[in-house]
C-alpha cells in the first residue's frame, strides 16, 4: 500500500475577489473528487485571490496507477478551467 500526494498551484488572473476564486475552487474540487475518487482540498494561498493551491491524496497498491491518475487529473484541470497550472509536485510514501 502506498500513499500518494500531489500539490498543484494554479494561477487565475481574472479573479477579482476571494468570492470569484471560491466559486472556481469549489466547482473544480467537486468535479475532481467525483471523477477520480481522490481526497482533495485547497491547502495553500487561501488569502490570495489569484493563486490556487490544491492538495490531492490517494491510497494505491501500485505506484504505476498513481502516475496515471495524477496525469489524468492534471489533464482534467487543464481542460476544465481557464486557470494556468504553474507548478505541480508529486510524492509517493
N, C-alpha and C. Protein backbone atom coordinates (compact mmCIF):
# COMPACT_ATOMS: atom_id res chain seq x y z
N UNK A 1 0.85 -1.18 0.00
CA UNK A 1 0.00 0.00 0.00
C UNK A 1 0.89 1.24 0.00
N UNK A 2 0.51 2.22 -0.79
CA UNK A 2 1.26 3.46 -0.88
C UNK A 2 0.31 4.65 -0.80
N UNK A 3 0.79 5.69 -0.16
CA UNK A 3 0.06 6.95 -0.10
C UNK A 3 0.74 7.91 -1.07
N UNK A 4 -0.03 8.45 -1.98
CA UNK A 4 0.49 9.38 -2.97
C UNK A 4 -0.13 10.75 -2.75
N UNK A 5 0.71 11.77 -2.84
CA UNK A 5 0.26 13.14 -2.61
C UNK A 5 0.73 14.00 -3.78
N UNK A 6 -0.15 14.89 -4.23
CA UNK A 6 0.23 15.84 -5.27
C UNK A 6 -0.25 17.22 -4.86
N UNK A 7 0.61 18.20 -5.03
CA UNK A 7 0.25 19.61 -4.85
C UNK A 7 0.23 20.26 -6.22
N UNK A 8 -0.81 21.03 -6.47
CA UNK A 8 -0.95 21.74 -7.74
C UNK A 8 -1.16 23.22 -7.45
N UNK A 9 -0.37 24.05 -8.11
CA UNK A 9 -0.51 25.50 -7.97
C UNK A 9 -1.07 26.04 -9.28
N UNK A 10 -2.17 26.78 -9.18
CA UNK A 10 -2.83 27.36 -10.34
C UNK A 10 -2.84 28.88 -10.22
N UNK A 11 -2.82 29.54 -11.37
CA UNK A 11 -2.89 30.99 -11.41
C UNK A 11 -4.12 31.39 -12.21
N UNK A 12 -4.99 32.19 -11.60
CA UNK A 12 -6.24 32.65 -12.23
C UNK A 12 -6.26 34.18 -12.21
N UNK A 13 -5.67 34.83 -13.23
CA UNK A 13 -5.52 36.29 -13.21
C UNK A 13 -6.84 37.05 -13.30
N UNK A 14 -7.91 36.45 -13.79
CA UNK A 14 -9.18 37.15 -13.95
C UNK A 14 -10.00 37.22 -12.65
N UNK A 15 -9.60 36.48 -11.62
CA UNK A 15 -10.34 36.52 -10.34
C UNK A 15 -10.09 37.87 -9.68
N UNK A 16 -11.17 38.56 -9.36
CA UNK A 16 -11.06 39.87 -8.74
C UNK A 16 -11.35 39.86 -7.25
N UNK A 17 -11.79 38.72 -6.74
CA UNK A 17 -12.09 38.64 -5.31
C UNK A 17 -11.98 37.19 -4.85
N UNK A 18 -11.96 37.01 -3.55
CA UNK A 18 -11.93 35.66 -3.00
C UNK A 18 -13.23 34.92 -3.33
N UNK A 19 -14.32 35.65 -3.50
CA UNK A 19 -15.59 35.03 -3.87
C UNK A 19 -15.51 34.42 -5.27
N UNK A 20 -14.90 35.12 -6.21
CA UNK A 20 -14.70 34.58 -7.56
C UNK A 20 -13.86 33.31 -7.50
N UNK A 21 -12.79 33.38 -6.74
CA UNK A 21 -11.89 32.24 -6.61
C UNK A 21 -12.60 31.06 -5.96
N UNK A 22 -13.37 31.31 -4.94
CA UNK A 22 -14.07 30.24 -4.21
C UNK A 22 -15.02 29.48 -5.13
N UNK A 23 -15.70 30.18 -6.04
CA UNK A 23 -16.60 29.52 -6.98
C UNK A 23 -15.83 28.56 -7.89
N UNK A 24 -14.68 28.98 -8.37
CA UNK A 24 -13.85 28.14 -9.24
C UNK A 24 -13.32 26.93 -8.47
N UNK A 25 -12.79 27.18 -7.29
CA UNK A 25 -12.17 26.13 -6.50
C UNK A 25 -13.21 25.08 -6.09
N UNK A 26 -14.36 25.52 -5.62
CA UNK A 26 -15.39 24.57 -5.17
C UNK A 26 -15.85 23.69 -6.32
N UNK A 27 -16.09 24.28 -7.47
CA UNK A 27 -16.53 23.51 -8.63
C UNK A 27 -15.46 22.51 -9.06
N UNK A 28 -14.22 22.95 -9.14
CA UNK A 28 -13.13 22.09 -9.57
C UNK A 28 -12.91 20.94 -8.58
N UNK A 29 -12.91 21.24 -7.29
CA UNK A 29 -12.73 20.21 -6.27
C UNK A 29 -13.84 19.16 -6.36
N UNK A 30 -15.08 19.60 -6.47
CA UNK A 30 -16.20 18.65 -6.54
C UNK A 30 -16.10 17.74 -7.76
N UNK A 31 -15.75 18.32 -8.91
CA UNK A 31 -15.66 17.51 -10.13
C UNK A 31 -14.50 16.52 -10.08
N UNK A 32 -13.35 16.94 -9.55
CA UNK A 32 -12.20 16.03 -9.45
C UNK A 32 -12.50 14.92 -8.45
N UNK A 33 -13.08 15.27 -7.31
CA UNK A 33 -13.40 14.27 -6.29
C UNK A 33 -14.35 13.21 -6.84
N UNK A 34 -15.36 13.63 -7.57
CA UNK A 34 -16.34 12.69 -8.12
C UNK A 34 -15.78 11.84 -9.25
N UNK A 35 -14.95 12.43 -10.09
CA UNK A 35 -14.44 11.70 -11.27
C UNK A 35 -13.31 10.74 -10.92
N UNK A 36 -12.41 11.12 -10.00
CA UNK A 36 -11.21 10.33 -9.76
C UNK A 36 -11.17 9.63 -8.40
N UNK A 37 -12.17 9.86 -7.54
CA UNK A 37 -12.23 9.22 -6.22
C UNK A 37 -10.95 9.44 -5.42
N UNK A 38 -10.54 10.69 -5.30
CA UNK A 38 -9.36 11.07 -4.52
C UNK A 38 -9.79 12.06 -3.44
N UNK A 39 -8.93 12.25 -2.47
CA UNK A 39 -9.16 13.31 -1.47
C UNK A 39 -8.50 14.57 -2.00
N UNK A 40 -9.22 15.68 -1.94
CA UNK A 40 -8.70 16.94 -2.49
C UNK A 40 -9.22 18.11 -1.66
N UNK A 41 -8.34 19.10 -1.48
CA UNK A 41 -8.72 20.30 -0.73
C UNK A 41 -7.83 21.45 -1.16
N UNK A 42 -8.32 22.66 -0.91
CA UNK A 42 -7.49 23.84 -1.10
C UNK A 42 -6.60 23.95 0.12
N UNK A 43 -5.29 23.85 -0.08
CA UNK A 43 -4.37 23.76 1.06
C UNK A 43 -3.44 24.96 1.20
N UNK A 44 -3.33 25.77 0.19
CA UNK A 44 -2.43 26.93 0.25
C UNK A 44 -3.09 28.12 -0.43
N UNK A 45 -2.56 29.29 -0.13
CA UNK A 45 -2.93 30.55 -0.79
C UNK A 45 -4.41 30.91 -0.60
N UNK A 46 -5.00 30.56 0.54
CA UNK A 46 -6.41 30.87 0.77
C UNK A 46 -6.70 32.37 0.79
N UNK A 47 -5.71 33.19 1.12
CA UNK A 47 -5.92 34.64 1.20
C UNK A 47 -5.54 35.38 -0.07
N UNK A 48 -5.01 34.67 -1.07
CA UNK A 48 -4.63 35.28 -2.34
C UNK A 48 -5.71 34.95 -3.37
N UNK A 49 -6.36 35.96 -3.93
CA UNK A 49 -7.49 35.70 -4.81
C UNK A 49 -7.10 35.32 -6.24
N UNK A 50 -5.82 35.33 -6.57
CA UNK A 50 -5.39 34.96 -7.91
C UNK A 50 -4.64 33.63 -7.98
N UNK A 51 -4.25 33.08 -6.84
CA UNK A 51 -3.47 31.84 -6.80
C UNK A 51 -4.26 30.77 -6.05
N UNK A 52 -4.28 29.56 -6.62
CA UNK A 52 -5.00 28.43 -6.04
C UNK A 52 -3.98 27.33 -5.74
N UNK A 53 -4.01 26.81 -4.53
CA UNK A 53 -3.13 25.71 -4.14
C UNK A 53 -3.96 24.52 -3.73
N UNK A 54 -3.92 23.44 -4.54
CA UNK A 54 -4.70 22.25 -4.25
C UNK A 54 -3.79 21.13 -3.76
N UNK A 55 -4.28 20.37 -2.79
CA UNK A 55 -3.60 19.17 -2.32
C UNK A 55 -4.48 17.98 -2.64
N UNK A 56 -3.89 16.96 -3.27
CA UNK A 56 -4.63 15.78 -3.69
C UNK A 56 -3.92 14.55 -3.13
N UNK A 57 -4.69 13.62 -2.55
CA UNK A 57 -4.09 12.42 -1.97
C UNK A 57 -4.91 11.20 -2.37
N UNK A 58 -4.19 10.07 -2.47
CA UNK A 58 -4.85 8.80 -2.74
C UNK A 58 -4.02 7.66 -2.16
N UNK A 59 -4.68 6.56 -1.89
CA UNK A 59 -4.01 5.35 -1.43
C UNK A 59 -4.14 4.33 -2.54
N UNK A 60 -3.00 3.77 -2.96
CA UNK A 60 -3.00 2.80 -4.06
C UNK A 60 -2.12 1.60 -3.71
N UNK A 61 -2.31 0.53 -4.43
CA UNK A 61 -1.48 -0.65 -4.21
C UNK A 61 -0.33 -0.71 -5.22
N UNK A 62 -0.43 0.07 -6.30
CA UNK A 62 0.56 0.03 -7.37
C UNK A 62 0.97 1.46 -7.73
N UNK A 63 2.28 1.73 -7.69
CA UNK A 63 2.75 3.09 -7.97
C UNK A 63 2.52 3.50 -9.42
N UNK A 64 2.40 2.55 -10.35
CA UNK A 64 2.12 2.88 -11.74
C UNK A 64 0.74 3.54 -11.86
N UNK A 65 -0.19 3.06 -11.04
CA UNK A 65 -1.54 3.62 -11.06
C UNK A 65 -1.53 5.08 -10.62
N UNK A 66 -0.69 5.40 -9.64
CA UNK A 66 -0.59 6.77 -9.14
C UNK A 66 -0.23 7.74 -10.25
N UNK A 67 0.79 7.42 -11.01
CA UNK A 67 1.23 8.29 -12.08
C UNK A 67 0.13 8.54 -13.10
N UNK A 68 -0.59 7.49 -13.47
CA UNK A 68 -1.67 7.63 -14.46
C UNK A 68 -2.79 8.51 -13.92
N UNK A 69 -3.18 8.27 -12.67
CA UNK A 69 -4.28 9.05 -12.09
C UNK A 69 -3.89 10.52 -11.99
N UNK A 70 -2.70 10.81 -11.48
CA UNK A 70 -2.28 12.21 -11.34
C UNK A 70 -2.12 12.89 -12.70
N UNK A 71 -1.63 12.17 -13.70
CA UNK A 71 -1.55 12.74 -15.05
C UNK A 71 -2.94 13.05 -15.59
N UNK A 72 -3.88 12.14 -15.34
CA UNK A 72 -5.26 12.37 -15.79
C UNK A 72 -5.89 13.56 -15.07
N UNK A 73 -5.57 13.72 -13.79
CA UNK A 73 -6.10 14.87 -13.03
C UNK A 73 -5.55 16.17 -13.59
N UNK A 74 -4.26 16.23 -13.88
CA UNK A 74 -3.67 17.45 -14.46
C UNK A 74 -4.30 17.76 -15.81
N UNK A 75 -4.51 16.74 -16.63
CA UNK A 75 -5.17 16.95 -17.93
C UNK A 75 -6.60 17.43 -17.74
N UNK A 76 -7.30 16.89 -16.75
CA UNK A 76 -8.66 17.30 -16.45
C UNK A 76 -8.71 18.76 -16.01
N UNK A 77 -7.77 19.17 -15.17
CA UNK A 77 -7.72 20.56 -14.71
C UNK A 77 -7.49 21.50 -15.90
N UNK A 78 -6.54 21.14 -16.76
CA UNK A 78 -6.26 21.98 -17.94
C UNK A 78 -7.48 22.11 -18.84
N UNK A 79 -8.25 21.02 -18.99
CA UNK A 79 -9.39 21.03 -19.89
C UNK A 79 -10.63 21.70 -19.29
N UNK A 80 -10.70 21.79 -17.97
CA UNK A 80 -11.94 22.24 -17.33
C UNK A 80 -11.84 23.57 -16.60
N UNK A 81 -10.74 24.26 -16.72
CA UNK A 81 -10.64 25.59 -16.13
C UNK A 81 -9.70 26.45 -16.97
N UNK A 82 -9.89 27.74 -16.90
CA UNK A 82 -9.00 28.66 -17.61
C UNK A 82 -7.77 29.00 -16.80
N UNK A 83 -7.73 28.55 -15.55
CA UNK A 83 -6.57 28.81 -14.70
C UNK A 83 -5.36 28.05 -15.24
N UNK A 84 -4.22 28.69 -15.15
CA UNK A 84 -2.97 28.12 -15.65
C UNK A 84 -2.29 27.31 -14.56
N UNK A 85 -1.87 26.08 -14.89
CA UNK A 85 -1.10 25.27 -13.93
C UNK A 85 0.32 25.83 -13.92
N UNK A 86 0.70 26.38 -12.77
CA UNK A 86 2.02 26.98 -12.64
C UNK A 86 3.05 25.95 -12.18
N UNK A 87 2.62 25.06 -11.29
CA UNK A 87 3.56 24.08 -10.72
C UNK A 87 2.77 22.90 -10.19
N UNK A 88 3.41 21.73 -10.21
CA UNK A 88 2.83 20.55 -9.57
C UNK A 88 3.97 19.71 -8.99
N UNK A 89 3.66 19.06 -7.90
CA UNK A 89 4.66 18.27 -7.19
C UNK A 89 4.00 16.98 -6.71
N UNK A 90 4.63 15.85 -6.96
CA UNK A 90 4.10 14.55 -6.56
C UNK A 90 5.07 13.86 -5.62
N UNK A 91 4.52 13.23 -4.59
CA UNK A 91 5.33 12.47 -3.64
C UNK A 91 4.62 11.17 -3.31
N UNK A 92 5.37 10.07 -3.35
CA UNK A 92 4.83 8.76 -3.02
C UNK A 92 5.50 8.27 -1.76
N UNK A 93 4.69 7.90 -0.76
CA UNK A 93 5.24 7.45 0.52
C UNK A 93 4.90 6.00 0.76
